[in-house]
């Protein structure tokens, strides 16, 4: 006869492990892994430097968080995505309708 664990603490732990595995599988690949940096004008260089400094501060803060590694990567990728979107938006003259791409770089 199979033993069925009715301990509520163990059931909670099992549920947390399932949730953790689900989020690990679904979040570990989300977000940007690269940053498009337009570099056609001196203003692009200024924007890149400002954005890189802000991104570096944010990545350092993410690295210090006491969370699971896949969540750190998830937050870091979203920070990189925001940096990429910002540089493309500013390179496109602050036109929010075309900031997803700069010269075809998505």
C-alpha atoms as a PDB file:
ATOM      1  CA  UNK A   1       0.000   0.000   0.000  1.00  0.00           C
ATOM      2  CA  UNK A   2       1.374   3.407  -1.026  1.00  0.00           C
ATOM      3  CA  UNK A   3       1.924   5.945   1.734  1.00  0.00           C
ATOM      4  CA  UNK A   4       0.127   9.255   1.153  1.00  0.00           C
ATOM      5  CA  UNK A   5       1.702  12.214   2.886  1.00  0.00           C
ATOM      6  CA  UNK A   6      -0.970  14.331   4.535  1.00  0.00           C
ATOM      7  CA  UNK A   7       1.466  16.692   6.225  1.00  0.00           C
ATOM      8  CA  UNK A   8       0.356  20.210   5.175  1.00  0.00           C
ATOM      9  CA  UNK A   9       3.911  21.556   5.454  1.00  0.00           C
ATOM     10  CA  UNK A  10       5.184  18.926   3.027  1.00  0.00           C
ATOM     11  CA  UNK A  11       2.318  19.630   0.626  1.00  0.00           C
ATOM     12  CA  UNK A  12       3.200  23.313   0.743  1.00  0.00           C
ATOM     13  CA  UNK A  13       6.853  22.534   0.069  1.00  0.00           C
ATOM     14  CA  UNK A  14       5.920  20.298  -2.872  1.00  0.00           C
ATOM     15  CA  UNK A  15       3.706  23.047  -4.325  1.00  0.00           C
ATOM     16  CA  UNK A  16       6.499  25.622  -3.920  1.00  0.00           C
ATOM     17  CA  UNK A  17       8.931  23.327  -5.710  1.00  0.00           C
ATOM     18  CA  UNK A  18       6.477  22.840  -8.583  1.00  0.00           C
ATOM     19  CA  UNK A  19       5.924  26.615  -8.799  1.00  0.00           C
ATOM     20  CA  UNK A  20       9.662  27.264  -8.684  1.00  0.00           C
ATOM     21  CA  UNK A  21      10.287  24.733 -11.461  1.00  0.00           C
ATOM     22  CA  UNK A  22       7.489  26.269 -13.566  1.00  0.00           C
ATOM     23  CA  UNK A  23       8.871  29.798 -13.187  1.00  0.00           C
ATOM     24  CA  UNK A  24      12.422  28.613 -13.807  1.00  0.00           C
ATOM     25  CA  UNK A  25      11.401  26.991 -17.091  1.00  0.00           C
ATOM     26  CA  UNK A  26       9.309  29.923 -18.245  1.00  0.00           C
ATOM     27  CA  UNK A  27      11.346  32.914 -17.066  1.00  0.00           C
ATOM     28  CA  UNK A  28      14.890  31.762 -17.724  1.00  0.00           C
ATOM     29  CA  UNK A  29      14.643  32.560 -21.438  1.00  0.00           C
ATOM     30  CA  UNK A  30      12.609  35.768 -21.339  1.00  0.00           C
ATOM     31  CA  UNK A  31      14.009  39.225 -21.896  1.00  0.00           C
ATOM     32  CA  UNK A  32      16.810  40.656 -24.012  1.00  0.00           C
ATOM     33  CA  UNK A  33      20.285  39.181 -24.038  1.00  0.00           C
ATOM     34  CA  UNK A  34      21.870  41.881 -26.168  1.00  0.00           C
ATOM     35  CA  UNK A  35      21.725  45.637 -26.500  1.00  0.00           C
ATOM     36  CA  UNK A  36      21.486  47.545 -29.759  1.00  0.00           C
ATOM     37  CA  UNK A  37      23.536  50.733 -29.512  1.00  0.00           C
ATOM     38  CA  UNK A  38      23.086  53.185 -32.383  1.00  0.00           C
ATOM     39  CA  UNK A  39      26.356  55.006 -33.046  1.00  0.00           C
ATOM     40  CA  UNK A  40      25.872  57.397 -35.969  1.00  0.00           C
ATOM     41  CA  UNK A  41      26.105  60.793 -34.250  1.00  0.00           C
ATOM     42  CA  UNK A  42      27.859  62.336 -31.245  1.00  0.00           C
ATOM     43  CA  UNK A  43      24.464  62.418 -29.491  1.00  0.00           C
ATOM     44  CA  UNK A  44      24.248  58.641 -29.825  1.00  0.00           C
ATOM     45  CA  UNK A  45      27.560  58.361 -27.984  1.00  0.00           C
ATOM     46  CA  UNK A  46      26.254  60.610 -25.184  1.00  0.00           C
ATOM     47  CA  UNK A  47      23.062  58.553 -24.921  1.00  0.00           C
ATOM     48  CA  UNK A  48      25.035  55.293 -24.906  1.00  0.00           C
ATOM     49  CA  UNK A  49      27.293  56.498 -22.077  1.00  0.00           C
ATOM     50  CA  UNK A  50      24.373  57.735 -19.941  1.00  0.00           C
ATOM     51  CA  UNK A  51      22.408  54.555 -20.548  1.00  0.00           C
ATOM     52  CA  UNK A  52      25.414  52.306 -19.883  1.00  0.00           C
ATOM     53  CA  UNK A  53      26.075  54.015 -16.558  1.00  0.00           C
ATOM     54  CA  UNK A  54      22.440  53.630 -15.495  1.00  0.00           C
ATOM     55  CA  UNK A  55      22.385  50.010 -16.697  1.00  0.00           C
ATOM     56  CA  UNK A  56      25.574  49.192 -14.812  1.00  0.00           C
ATOM     57  CA  UNK A  57      24.084  50.568 -11.575  1.00  0.00           C
ATOM     58  CA  UNK A  58      20.914  48.559 -12.125  1.00  0.00           C
ATOM     59  CA  UNK A  59      22.796  45.346 -12.921  1.00  0.00           C
ATOM     60  CA  UNK A  60      24.921  45.736  -9.785  1.00  0.00           C
ATOM     61  CA  UNK A  61      21.755  46.165  -7.712  1.00  0.00           C
ATOM     62  CA  UNK A  62      20.223  43.070  -9.325  1.00  0.00           C
ATOM     63  CA  UNK A  63      23.366  41.057  -8.628  1.00  0.00           C
ATOM     64  CA  UNK A  64      23.141  41.915  -4.909  1.00  0.00           C
ATOM     65  CA  UNK A  65      19.532  40.743  -4.602  1.00  0.00           C
ATOM     66  CA  UNK A  66      19.016  37.635  -2.529  1.00  0.00           C
ATOM     67  CA  UNK A  67      16.779  35.847  -5.033  1.00  0.00           C
ATOM     68  CA  UNK A  68      17.094  32.751  -7.202  1.00  0.00           C
ATOM     69  CA  UNK A  69      19.577  32.988 -10.046  1.00  0.00           C
ATOM     70  CA  UNK A  70      16.977  32.627 -12.804  1.00  0.00           C
ATOM     71  CA  UNK A  71      15.087  35.610 -11.353  1.00  0.00           C
ATOM     72  CA  UNK A  72      18.290  37.654 -11.320  1.00  0.00           C
ATOM     73  CA  UNK A  73      18.775  36.821 -14.996  1.00  0.00           C
ATOM     74  CA  UNK A  74      15.135  37.662 -15.714  1.00  0.00           C
ATOM     75  CA  UNK A  75      15.500  41.105 -14.088  1.00  0.00           C
ATOM     76  CA  UNK A  76      18.873  41.699 -15.765  1.00  0.00           C
ATOM     77  CA  UNK A  77      17.491  40.855 -19.195  1.00  0.00           C
ATOM     78  CA  UNK A  78      14.633  43.269 -18.711  1.00  0.00           C
ATOM     79  CA  UNK A  79      17.091  45.991 -17.678  1.00  0.00           C
ATOM     80  CA  UNK A  80      19.087  45.290 -20.858  1.00  0.00           C
ATOM     81  CA  UNK A  81      15.898  45.395 -22.916  1.00  0.00           C
ATOM     82  CA  UNK A  82      14.974  48.785 -21.419  1.00  0.00           C
ATOM     83  CA  UNK A  83      18.461  50.127 -22.189  1.00  0.00           C
ATOM     84  CA  UNK A  84      18.192  48.895 -25.765  1.00  0.00           C
ATOM     85  CA  UNK A  85      14.735  50.421 -26.194  1.00  0.00           C
ATOM     86  CA  UNK A  86      15.925  53.741 -24.739  1.00  0.00           C
ATOM     87  CA  UNK A  87      18.919  54.075 -27.061  1.00  0.00           C
ATOM     88  CA  UNK A  88      16.846  53.151 -30.113  1.00  0.00           C
ATOM     89  CA  UNK A  89      14.047  55.530 -29.103  1.00  0.00           C
ATOM     90  CA  UNK A  90      16.425  58.448 -28.655  1.00  0.00           C
ATOM     91  CA  UNK A  91      18.254  57.609 -31.896  1.00  0.00           C
ATOM     92  CA  UNK A  92      14.934  57.719 -33.733  1.00  0.00           C
ATOM     93  CA  UNK A  93      14.242  61.249 -32.511  1.00  0.00           C
ATOM     94  CA  UNK A  94      11.961  60.231 -29.629  1.00  0.00           C
ATOM     95  CA  UNK A  95       9.383  58.880 -32.069  1.00  0.00           C
ATOM     96  CA  UNK A  96       7.638  56.181 -29.990  1.00  0.00           C
ATOM     97  CA  UNK A  97       6.172  54.530 -33.072  1.00  0.00           C
ATOM     98  CA  UNK A  98       9.576  53.372 -34.359  1.00  0.00           C
ATOM     99  CA  UNK A  99      11.627  52.707 -31.211  1.00  0.00           C
ATOM    100  CA  UNK A 100      11.359  48.929 -31.507  1.00  0.00           C
ATOM    101  CA  UNK A 101      13.873  49.119 -34.347  1.00  0.00           C
ATOM    102  CA  UNK A 102      16.828  51.236 -35.402  1.00  0.00           C
ATOM    103  CA  UNK A 103      17.969  50.672 -38.974  1.00  0.00           C
ATOM    104  CA  UNK A 104      16.320  47.273 -38.885  1.00  0.00           C
ATOM    105  CA  UNK A 105      17.935  46.158 -35.603  1.00  0.00           C
ATOM    106  CA  UNK A 106      15.147  44.868 -33.394  1.00  0.00           C
END
